[in-house]
N, C-alpha and C. Protein backbone atom coordinates (compact mmCIF):
# COMPACT_ATOMS: atom_id res chain seq x y z
N MET A 1 25.74 32.58 40.07
CA MET A 1 24.36 32.53 40.15
C MET A 1 23.95 31.77 39.04
N PRO A 2 22.94 30.75 39.28
CA PRO A 2 22.22 29.96 38.21
C PRO A 2 21.51 30.95 37.22
N ALA A 3 21.43 30.42 35.90
CA ALA A 3 20.66 31.12 34.90
C ALA A 3 19.18 30.85 35.35
N ALA A 4 18.49 31.99 35.07
CA ALA A 4 16.99 31.99 35.20
C ALA A 4 16.39 30.73 34.59
N SER A 5 15.51 30.06 35.12
CA SER A 5 14.70 29.02 34.45
C SER A 5 13.60 29.57 33.87
N THR A 6 13.19 28.95 32.78
CA THR A 6 12.01 29.48 31.88
C THR A 6 10.96 28.43 32.09
N ARG A 7 9.66 28.91 31.70
CA ARG A 7 8.58 27.88 31.69
C ARG A 7 8.89 26.81 30.64
N ARG A 8 9.59 27.14 29.54
CA ARG A 8 9.87 26.10 28.68
C ARG A 8 10.82 24.97 29.09
N ASP A 9 11.83 25.65 29.91
CA ASP A 9 12.73 24.65 30.54
C ASP A 9 12.21 23.69 31.62
N TRP A 10 11.16 24.17 32.22
CA TRP A 10 10.52 23.49 33.12
C TRP A 10 9.68 22.46 32.55
N ILE A 11 9.09 22.68 31.40
CA ILE A 11 8.08 21.67 30.63
C ILE A 11 9.13 20.61 30.17
N PHE A 12 10.15 21.08 29.28
CA PHE A 12 10.97 20.13 28.82
C PHE A 12 11.74 19.26 29.96
N GLY A 13 11.87 19.58 31.06
CA GLY A 13 12.43 19.05 32.12
C GLY A 13 11.50 18.12 32.90
N SER A 14 10.05 18.49 32.74
CA SER A 14 9.12 17.68 33.49
C SER A 14 8.63 16.54 32.72
N VAL A 15 8.80 16.65 31.33
CA VAL A 15 8.11 15.61 30.49
C VAL A 15 9.48 14.99 29.80
N GLY A 16 9.61 13.74 29.90
CA GLY A 16 10.73 13.07 29.26
C GLY A 16 10.57 12.92 27.90
N SER A 17 11.73 12.63 27.15
CA SER A 17 11.63 12.46 25.67
C SER A 17 10.75 11.32 25.08
N VAL A 18 10.62 10.25 25.95
CA VAL A 18 9.77 9.06 25.71
C VAL A 18 8.37 9.69 25.48
N THR A 19 7.98 10.52 26.36
CA THR A 19 6.59 11.15 26.20
C THR A 19 6.36 12.00 24.94
N PHE A 20 7.40 12.80 24.48
CA PHE A 20 7.32 13.48 23.19
C PHE A 20 7.28 12.45 22.15
N ALA A 21 8.00 11.32 22.11
CA ALA A 21 7.88 10.41 20.99
C ALA A 21 6.65 9.90 21.01
N ALA A 22 6.00 9.56 22.08
CA ALA A 22 4.51 8.91 22.02
C ALA A 22 3.66 9.85 21.50
N ILE A 23 3.69 11.27 21.88
CA ILE A 23 2.92 12.23 21.35
C ILE A 23 2.95 12.34 19.77
N ALA A 24 4.28 12.47 19.40
CA ALA A 24 4.59 12.49 17.86
C ALA A 24 3.92 11.33 17.27
N ALA A 25 4.12 10.11 17.85
CA ALA A 25 3.70 8.91 17.12
C ALA A 25 2.18 8.99 17.05
N ALA A 26 1.44 9.43 18.24
CA ALA A 26 0.07 9.56 18.21
C ALA A 26 -0.40 10.50 17.20
N GLN A 27 0.15 11.71 17.02
CA GLN A 27 -0.19 12.63 16.13
C GLN A 27 -0.03 12.28 14.62
N GLU A 28 1.15 11.49 14.41
CA GLU A 28 1.21 10.98 13.08
C GLU A 28 0.25 9.90 12.65
N HIS A 29 -0.20 9.10 13.64
CA HIS A 29 -1.03 7.94 13.26
C HIS A 29 -2.57 8.69 13.19
N ALA A 30 -2.67 9.86 13.74
CA ALA A 30 -4.02 10.56 13.71
C ALA A 30 -4.07 11.13 12.33
N ARG A 31 -2.97 11.79 11.87
CA ARG A 31 -3.03 12.40 10.63
C ARG A 31 -3.21 11.44 9.45
N ARG A 32 -2.51 10.29 9.61
CA ARG A 32 -2.91 9.15 8.58
C ARG A 32 -4.28 8.66 8.58
N ALA A 33 -4.74 8.56 9.80
CA ALA A 33 -6.18 7.92 9.81
C ALA A 33 -7.21 8.86 9.29
N ILE A 34 -7.04 10.16 9.45
CA ILE A 34 -7.99 10.96 8.88
C ILE A 34 -8.04 11.25 7.49
N LYS A 35 -6.86 11.02 6.99
CA LYS A 35 -6.81 11.24 5.34
C LYS A 35 -7.27 10.02 4.67
N THR A 36 -7.37 9.07 5.29
CA THR A 36 -8.01 7.72 4.44
C THR A 36 -9.12 7.21 5.19
N THR A 37 -9.93 6.44 4.47
CA THR A 37 -11.13 5.64 5.03
C THR A 37 -10.68 4.23 5.22
N SER A 38 -9.63 3.72 5.10
CA SER A 38 -9.37 2.39 5.06
C SER A 38 -9.47 1.90 6.50
N PRO A 39 -10.31 0.79 6.87
CA PRO A 39 -10.28 0.32 8.25
C PRO A 39 -9.01 -0.29 8.53
N SER A 40 -8.09 -0.63 7.77
CA SER A 40 -6.91 -1.19 8.39
C SER A 40 -6.00 -0.38 9.07
N LEU A 41 -6.49 0.98 9.20
CA LEU A 41 -5.74 1.89 10.10
C LEU A 41 -5.97 1.75 11.60
N PHE A 42 -6.92 0.98 11.83
CA PHE A 42 -7.29 0.83 13.40
C PHE A 42 -6.17 -0.04 13.94
N GLU A 43 -5.82 0.39 15.16
CA GLU A 43 -4.89 -0.35 15.86
C GLU A 43 -5.49 -1.17 17.11
N PHE A 44 -6.46 -0.64 17.61
CA PHE A 44 -7.18 -1.44 18.78
C PHE A 44 -8.38 -2.20 18.24
N PHE A 45 -9.23 -1.53 17.47
CA PHE A 45 -10.57 -2.05 17.16
C PHE A 45 -10.34 -2.82 15.70
N THR A 46 -11.29 -3.93 15.64
CA THR A 46 -11.50 -4.51 14.29
C THR A 46 -12.46 -3.57 13.53
N ALA A 47 -12.61 -3.86 12.39
CA ALA A 47 -13.50 -3.03 11.46
C ALA A 47 -14.81 -3.05 12.03
N ASP A 48 -15.33 -4.20 12.34
CA ASP A 48 -16.74 -4.40 12.99
C ASP A 48 -16.90 -3.76 14.42
N GLU A 49 -15.90 -3.82 15.20
CA GLU A 49 -15.95 -3.21 16.40
C GLU A 49 -16.00 -1.70 16.26
N ALA A 50 -15.05 -1.15 15.41
CA ALA A 50 -15.07 0.09 15.12
C ALA A 50 -16.48 0.68 14.45
N ALA A 51 -17.00 0.00 13.87
CA ALA A 51 -18.24 0.40 13.27
C ALA A 51 -19.45 0.43 14.38
N ASP A 52 -19.40 -0.55 15.31
CA ASP A 52 -20.24 -0.50 16.52
C ASP A 52 -20.00 0.58 17.44
N VAL A 53 -18.67 1.02 17.68
CA VAL A 53 -18.31 1.98 18.74
C VAL A 53 -18.74 3.29 17.86
N ALA A 54 -18.43 3.42 16.69
CA ALA A 54 -18.75 4.73 15.88
C ALA A 54 -20.24 4.83 15.87
N ALA A 55 -21.22 3.92 15.82
CA ALA A 55 -22.50 4.03 15.85
C ALA A 55 -22.95 4.50 17.19
N LEU A 56 -22.39 3.85 18.22
CA LEU A 56 -22.70 4.40 19.65
C LEU A 56 -22.27 5.84 19.82
N ALA A 57 -21.22 6.25 19.40
CA ALA A 57 -20.67 7.50 19.39
C ALA A 57 -21.67 8.65 18.63
N ALA A 58 -22.26 8.05 17.48
CA ALA A 58 -23.00 8.89 16.72
C ALA A 58 -24.48 9.07 17.37
N GLN A 59 -24.77 8.18 18.24
CA GLN A 59 -25.99 8.28 19.09
C GLN A 59 -25.68 9.39 20.21
N ILE A 60 -24.53 9.37 20.66
CA ILE A 60 -24.20 10.24 21.74
C ILE A 60 -24.16 11.66 21.34
N LEU A 61 -23.35 11.84 20.07
CA LEU A 61 -23.27 13.09 19.52
C LEU A 61 -23.76 12.87 17.97
N PRO A 62 -25.06 13.10 17.94
CA PRO A 62 -25.73 12.97 16.49
C PRO A 62 -25.43 14.07 15.53
N SER A 63 -25.65 13.78 14.31
CA SER A 63 -25.53 14.76 13.24
C SER A 63 -26.90 15.24 13.00
N ASP A 64 -27.58 15.85 13.79
CA ASP A 64 -29.00 16.61 13.61
C ASP A 64 -28.83 17.98 13.31
N ASP A 65 -28.46 18.87 14.02
CA ASP A 65 -28.58 20.18 13.90
C ASP A 65 -27.04 20.73 13.47
N GLY A 66 -26.35 19.89 13.28
CA GLY A 66 -24.81 20.25 12.95
C GLY A 66 -23.96 18.91 12.89
N PRO A 67 -22.76 19.14 12.66
CA PRO A 67 -21.88 17.92 12.56
C PRO A 67 -21.84 17.15 13.77
N GLY A 68 -21.68 15.96 13.71
CA GLY A 68 -21.69 15.03 14.93
C GLY A 68 -20.38 14.31 14.90
N ALA A 69 -20.50 13.07 15.73
CA ALA A 69 -19.15 12.25 15.95
C ALA A 69 -18.94 11.68 14.52
N ASP A 70 -19.64 11.38 13.64
CA ASP A 70 -19.21 10.80 12.48
C ASP A 70 -18.39 11.75 11.57
N GLU A 71 -18.90 12.98 11.46
CA GLU A 71 -18.27 14.02 10.73
C GLU A 71 -16.90 14.44 11.35
N ALA A 72 -16.86 14.31 12.58
CA ALA A 72 -15.49 14.70 13.44
C ALA A 72 -14.58 13.57 13.37
N GLY A 73 -15.00 12.29 12.91
CA GLY A 73 -13.99 11.20 13.01
C GLY A 73 -13.66 10.73 14.38
N VAL A 74 -14.62 10.74 15.37
CA VAL A 74 -14.10 10.51 16.74
C VAL A 74 -13.64 9.14 16.70
N ILE A 75 -14.13 8.10 16.04
CA ILE A 75 -13.62 6.64 16.18
C ILE A 75 -12.15 6.69 16.02
N TYR A 76 -11.53 7.49 15.14
CA TYR A 76 -9.99 7.37 15.07
C TYR A 76 -9.29 8.01 16.32
N PHE A 77 -10.01 8.95 16.98
CA PHE A 77 -9.47 9.47 18.30
C PHE A 77 -9.61 8.28 19.36
N ILE A 78 -10.74 7.66 19.33
CA ILE A 78 -10.93 6.67 20.36
C ILE A 78 -10.06 5.45 20.18
N ASP A 79 -9.92 5.16 19.03
CA ASP A 79 -8.91 4.00 18.68
C ASP A 79 -7.54 4.39 19.06
N ARG A 80 -7.10 5.54 18.93
CA ARG A 80 -5.73 6.14 19.25
C ARG A 80 -5.66 6.26 20.74
N ALA A 81 -6.59 6.67 21.34
CA ALA A 81 -6.56 6.93 22.87
C ALA A 81 -6.30 5.44 23.50
N LEU A 82 -7.04 4.43 22.94
CA LEU A 82 -6.98 3.05 23.62
C LEU A 82 -5.55 2.42 23.45
N THR A 83 -4.81 2.95 22.45
CA THR A 83 -3.53 2.45 22.15
C THR A 83 -2.50 3.29 22.67
N THR A 84 -2.73 4.53 23.31
CA THR A 84 -1.84 5.31 23.89
C THR A 84 -2.11 5.75 25.30
N PHE A 85 -2.53 6.81 25.47
CA PHE A 85 -2.86 7.59 26.82
C PHE A 85 -3.93 6.93 27.62
N ASP A 86 -4.95 6.39 27.09
CA ASP A 86 -5.90 5.75 27.77
C ASP A 86 -5.94 4.19 27.58
N ALA A 87 -4.83 3.49 27.45
CA ALA A 87 -4.77 2.15 27.34
C ALA A 87 -5.42 1.31 28.43
N ASP A 88 -5.36 2.00 29.71
CA ASP A 88 -6.02 1.28 30.85
C ASP A 88 -7.60 1.11 30.56
N GLN A 89 -8.10 1.76 29.66
CA GLN A 89 -9.58 1.57 29.41
C GLN A 89 -9.94 0.45 28.32
N ARG A 90 -9.00 -0.21 28.01
CA ARG A 90 -9.21 -1.36 27.06
C ARG A 90 -10.19 -2.49 27.62
N GLY A 91 -9.95 -2.73 28.78
CA GLY A 91 -10.91 -3.78 29.44
C GLY A 91 -12.23 -3.39 29.56
N VAL A 92 -12.46 -2.07 29.82
CA VAL A 92 -13.82 -1.42 29.73
C VAL A 92 -14.43 -1.47 28.41
N TYR A 93 -13.79 -1.31 27.36
CA TYR A 93 -14.28 -1.41 25.98
C TYR A 93 -14.45 -2.83 25.67
N ARG A 94 -13.63 -3.67 25.94
CA ARG A 94 -13.74 -5.10 25.49
C ARG A 94 -15.01 -5.79 26.16
N SER A 95 -15.23 -5.39 27.45
CA SER A 95 -16.44 -6.06 28.03
C SER A 95 -17.68 -5.14 27.59
N GLY A 96 -17.59 -3.82 27.32
CA GLY A 96 -18.75 -3.07 26.93
C GLY A 96 -19.18 -3.40 25.43
N MET A 97 -18.21 -3.81 24.66
CA MET A 97 -18.34 -4.04 23.26
C MET A 97 -19.25 -5.26 23.05
N THR A 98 -19.25 -6.17 24.06
CA THR A 98 -19.97 -7.35 23.82
C THR A 98 -21.41 -6.98 23.96
N GLU A 99 -21.78 -5.87 24.78
CA GLU A 99 -23.21 -5.31 24.87
C GLU A 99 -23.79 -4.80 23.66
N ILE A 100 -22.79 -4.11 22.89
CA ILE A 100 -23.30 -3.37 21.65
C ILE A 100 -23.02 -4.17 20.39
N GLN A 101 -22.57 -5.30 20.41
CA GLN A 101 -22.11 -6.05 19.24
C GLN A 101 -23.31 -5.93 18.23
N GLY A 102 -22.96 -5.63 17.04
CA GLY A 102 -24.11 -5.56 15.96
C GLY A 102 -24.87 -4.27 15.86
N ILE A 103 -24.68 -3.39 16.75
CA ILE A 103 -25.49 -2.06 16.86
C ILE A 103 -25.47 -1.39 15.57
N ALA A 104 -24.27 -1.32 14.93
CA ALA A 104 -24.08 -0.58 13.73
C ALA A 104 -25.16 -0.91 12.68
N ALA A 105 -25.45 -2.40 12.63
CA ALA A 105 -26.39 -2.83 11.56
C ALA A 105 -27.79 -2.69 11.97
N ARG A 106 -28.21 -1.99 13.11
CA ARG A 106 -29.60 -1.83 13.39
C ARG A 106 -30.03 -0.49 13.00
N PRO A 107 -31.43 -0.31 12.81
CA PRO A 107 -31.85 0.98 12.46
C PRO A 107 -31.58 2.00 13.63
N LYS A 108 -31.56 3.22 13.12
CA LYS A 108 -31.21 4.24 14.14
C LYS A 108 -32.05 4.22 15.51
N GLY A 109 -33.44 4.11 15.33
CA GLY A 109 -34.30 3.99 16.32
C GLY A 109 -34.12 2.81 17.41
N ASP A 110 -33.62 1.83 16.80
CA ASP A 110 -33.28 0.79 17.75
C ASP A 110 -31.84 0.94 18.42
N GLN A 111 -30.99 1.72 17.71
CA GLN A 111 -29.71 1.96 18.25
C GLN A 111 -30.01 2.87 19.54
N LEU A 112 -30.79 3.88 19.32
CA LEU A 112 -30.96 4.91 20.35
C LEU A 112 -31.56 4.11 21.55
N GLN A 113 -32.65 3.15 21.36
CA GLN A 113 -33.09 2.49 22.45
C GLN A 113 -32.04 1.48 23.19
N TRP A 114 -31.13 0.94 22.34
CA TRP A 114 -30.15 0.18 22.93
C TRP A 114 -29.17 0.98 23.71
N VAL A 115 -28.89 2.27 23.32
CA VAL A 115 -28.03 3.11 24.08
C VAL A 115 -28.57 3.58 25.33
N ARG A 116 -29.82 3.67 25.23
CA ARG A 116 -30.47 4.18 26.55
C ARG A 116 -30.57 3.15 27.70
N SER A 117 -30.37 1.87 27.10
CA SER A 117 -30.35 0.70 28.02
C SER A 117 -29.05 0.60 28.71
N ILE A 118 -27.81 1.24 28.24
CA ILE A 118 -26.58 0.93 28.87
C ILE A 118 -26.09 2.50 29.24
N GLU A 119 -26.84 3.41 29.23
CA GLU A 119 -26.37 4.68 29.56
C GLU A 119 -25.91 5.00 31.07
N LYS A 120 -26.19 3.99 31.83
CA LYS A 120 -25.66 4.09 33.23
C LYS A 120 -24.47 3.32 33.52
N SER A 121 -24.05 2.63 32.30
CA SER A 121 -22.88 1.80 32.67
C SER A 121 -21.39 2.60 32.50
N GLU A 122 -20.42 1.93 33.14
CA GLU A 122 -19.13 2.45 33.11
C GLU A 122 -18.77 2.67 31.58
N PHE A 123 -18.96 1.76 30.79
CA PHE A 123 -18.53 1.73 29.28
C PHE A 123 -19.22 2.76 28.61
N PHE A 124 -20.48 3.12 28.89
CA PHE A 124 -21.14 4.33 28.16
C PHE A 124 -20.35 5.59 28.70
N GLU A 125 -20.06 5.68 29.82
CA GLU A 125 -19.45 6.92 30.49
C GLU A 125 -18.08 7.21 29.73
N VAL A 126 -17.31 6.04 29.66
CA VAL A 126 -16.01 6.16 28.94
C VAL A 126 -16.14 6.49 27.40
N VAL A 127 -16.86 5.91 26.78
CA VAL A 127 -17.21 6.32 25.44
C VAL A 127 -17.76 7.64 25.20
N ARG A 128 -18.65 8.07 26.06
CA ARG A 128 -19.29 9.46 26.02
C ARG A 128 -18.05 10.43 26.20
N THR A 129 -17.19 10.29 27.23
CA THR A 129 -16.03 11.11 27.47
C THR A 129 -15.12 11.03 26.27
N HIS A 130 -14.77 9.97 25.58
CA HIS A 130 -13.96 9.94 24.45
C HIS A 130 -14.64 10.61 23.27
N THR A 131 -15.95 10.36 23.23
CA THR A 131 -16.54 11.09 21.99
C THR A 131 -16.49 12.67 22.10
N LEU A 132 -16.83 13.13 23.25
CA LEU A 132 -16.69 14.55 23.50
C LEU A 132 -15.26 14.99 23.32
N LEU A 133 -14.31 14.35 23.87
CA LEU A 133 -12.72 14.62 23.59
C LEU A 133 -12.45 14.72 22.16
N GLY A 134 -12.90 13.66 21.40
CA GLY A 134 -12.63 13.47 19.87
C GLY A 134 -13.24 14.55 19.11
N TYR A 135 -14.40 15.03 19.64
CA TYR A 135 -15.29 16.08 18.83
C TYR A 135 -14.60 17.54 19.14
N LEU A 136 -14.22 17.75 20.41
CA LEU A 136 -13.61 19.14 20.66
C LEU A 136 -12.19 19.17 20.80
N GLY A 137 -11.37 18.24 20.74
CA GLY A 137 -10.03 18.12 21.05
C GLY A 137 -9.27 18.62 19.81
N SER A 138 -7.99 18.83 19.97
CA SER A 138 -7.29 19.31 18.64
C SER A 138 -7.30 18.16 17.47
N PRO A 139 -7.49 18.52 16.39
CA PRO A 139 -7.41 17.54 15.27
C PRO A 139 -6.26 16.73 15.16
N ASN A 140 -5.13 17.22 15.64
CA ASN A 140 -3.84 16.56 15.83
C ASN A 140 -4.08 15.15 16.45
N TYR A 141 -5.00 15.10 17.24
CA TYR A 141 -5.18 13.80 18.02
C TYR A 141 -6.23 12.70 17.24
N GLY A 142 -6.51 13.06 16.21
CA GLY A 142 -7.48 12.05 15.42
C GLY A 142 -8.94 12.29 15.34
N GLY A 143 -9.30 13.20 16.17
CA GLY A 143 -10.76 13.59 16.05
C GLY A 143 -10.97 14.97 15.46
N ASN A 144 -12.15 15.49 15.64
CA ASN A 144 -12.37 16.95 15.15
C ASN A 144 -11.82 17.13 13.90
N ARG A 145 -12.13 16.24 12.92
CA ARG A 145 -11.76 16.26 11.53
C ARG A 145 -12.26 17.78 10.98
N ASN A 146 -11.35 18.28 10.28
CA ASN A 146 -11.58 19.59 9.58
C ASN A 146 -12.15 20.64 10.64
N GLN A 147 -11.81 20.44 11.84
CA GLN A 147 -12.17 21.32 12.87
C GLN A 147 -13.68 21.38 13.19
N VAL A 148 -14.42 20.51 12.77
CA VAL A 148 -15.93 20.69 12.86
C VAL A 148 -16.41 20.91 14.11
N GLY A 149 -15.94 20.41 15.02
CA GLY A 149 -16.33 20.66 16.51
C GLY A 149 -16.15 22.07 16.98
N TRP A 150 -14.93 22.50 16.52
CA TRP A 150 -14.52 24.06 16.86
C TRP A 150 -15.49 24.88 16.15
N LYS A 151 -15.74 24.65 14.78
CA LYS A 151 -16.52 25.42 14.06
C LYS A 151 -17.90 25.42 14.64
N TYR A 152 -18.35 24.39 15.00
CA TYR A 152 -19.73 24.24 15.71
C TYR A 152 -19.88 25.04 16.96
N ILE A 153 -18.89 25.19 17.75
CA ILE A 153 -18.86 25.98 19.02
C ILE A 153 -18.49 27.32 18.82
N GLN A 154 -17.95 27.67 17.70
CA GLN A 154 -17.34 29.02 17.22
C GLN A 154 -16.11 29.22 18.01
N PHE A 155 -15.27 28.28 18.07
CA PHE A 155 -13.99 28.30 18.72
C PHE A 155 -13.12 28.89 17.78
N ASP A 156 -12.40 29.84 18.05
CA ASP A 156 -11.37 30.59 17.23
C ASP A 156 -10.04 30.08 17.60
N ASP A 157 -9.49 29.24 16.66
CA ASP A 157 -8.24 28.62 16.78
C ASP A 157 -6.98 29.54 16.29
N ARG A 158 -6.45 30.23 17.09
CA ARG A 158 -5.36 31.03 16.79
C ARG A 158 -4.11 30.80 17.76
N MET A 159 -2.92 31.08 17.31
CA MET A 159 -1.82 30.86 18.13
C MET A 159 -1.65 31.84 19.24
N ALA A 160 -2.16 32.98 19.10
CA ALA A 160 -1.83 34.10 20.20
C ALA A 160 -3.06 34.81 20.29
N TRP A 161 -3.36 35.42 21.55
CA TRP A 161 -4.40 36.16 21.84
C TRP A 161 -3.95 37.61 22.32
N GLU A 162 -4.75 38.68 22.11
CA GLU A 162 -4.33 40.05 22.88
C GLU A 162 -5.43 40.33 23.61
N PRO A 163 -5.22 41.10 24.87
CA PRO A 163 -6.20 41.65 25.56
C PRO A 163 -7.01 42.69 24.78
N PRO A 164 -8.24 42.90 24.98
CA PRO A 164 -9.07 42.14 26.08
C PRO A 164 -9.41 40.74 25.66
N PHE A 165 -9.25 39.79 26.57
CA PHE A 165 -9.65 38.43 26.39
C PHE A 165 -11.05 37.95 26.29
N GLY A 166 -11.79 38.81 26.85
CA GLY A 166 -13.34 38.52 26.74
C GLY A 166 -13.85 39.80 27.70
N TYR A 167 -15.07 39.72 27.65
CA TYR A 167 -16.04 40.81 28.45
C TYR A 167 -15.44 41.08 29.84
N TYR A 168 -15.03 39.95 30.41
CA TYR A 168 -14.56 40.17 31.80
C TYR A 168 -13.17 40.84 31.89
N ASP A 169 -12.52 40.92 30.78
CA ASP A 169 -11.24 41.59 30.91
C ASP A 169 -11.09 42.96 30.11
N ALA A 170 -12.16 43.37 29.56
CA ALA A 170 -12.34 44.66 29.06
C ALA A 170 -12.21 45.61 30.09
N GLU A 171 -11.56 46.78 29.70
CA GLU A 171 -11.56 47.96 30.69
C GLU A 171 -12.93 48.64 30.60
N THR A 172 -13.38 48.95 31.87
CA THR A 172 -14.76 49.78 31.93
C THR A 172 -14.36 51.19 32.58
N LYS A 173 -15.16 52.03 32.01
CA LYS A 173 -14.96 53.46 32.46
C LYS A 173 -16.06 53.71 33.69
């Protein structure tokens, strides 16, 4: 009789060691990127491109009533996404960045007007998705620096939970 298979066995069997190596490399890049402000850490963007995409992300998730895309460092998440798991979106970024070239140097009001002019584009949708993932995702992936996104939404980051998990799980009499 074969030994009982566990969920861990299934996960390790489903995901190859190459994937684990890519995840480990992505996490290491993210850790290095958040610890320094050196623009040389970008792998996909040039420094100017990173500034423009960061300005767009800051318009999508501004720092008005709480931390935004800038404080969360989402540009590092986006850069890493485009060199790893979302590399197929590079073309969307390359064509879209021609539309926003120089946006970082413009006043905030002009930036917002410019963003509104492209908000129906595929490029904007991809940047918006990456911005939100970088804001709310695990800090291990390059964004959500110092867990600012989690703190803002009051997410409690802990390893294990015990019942009741929420109001829906509490026993009622």
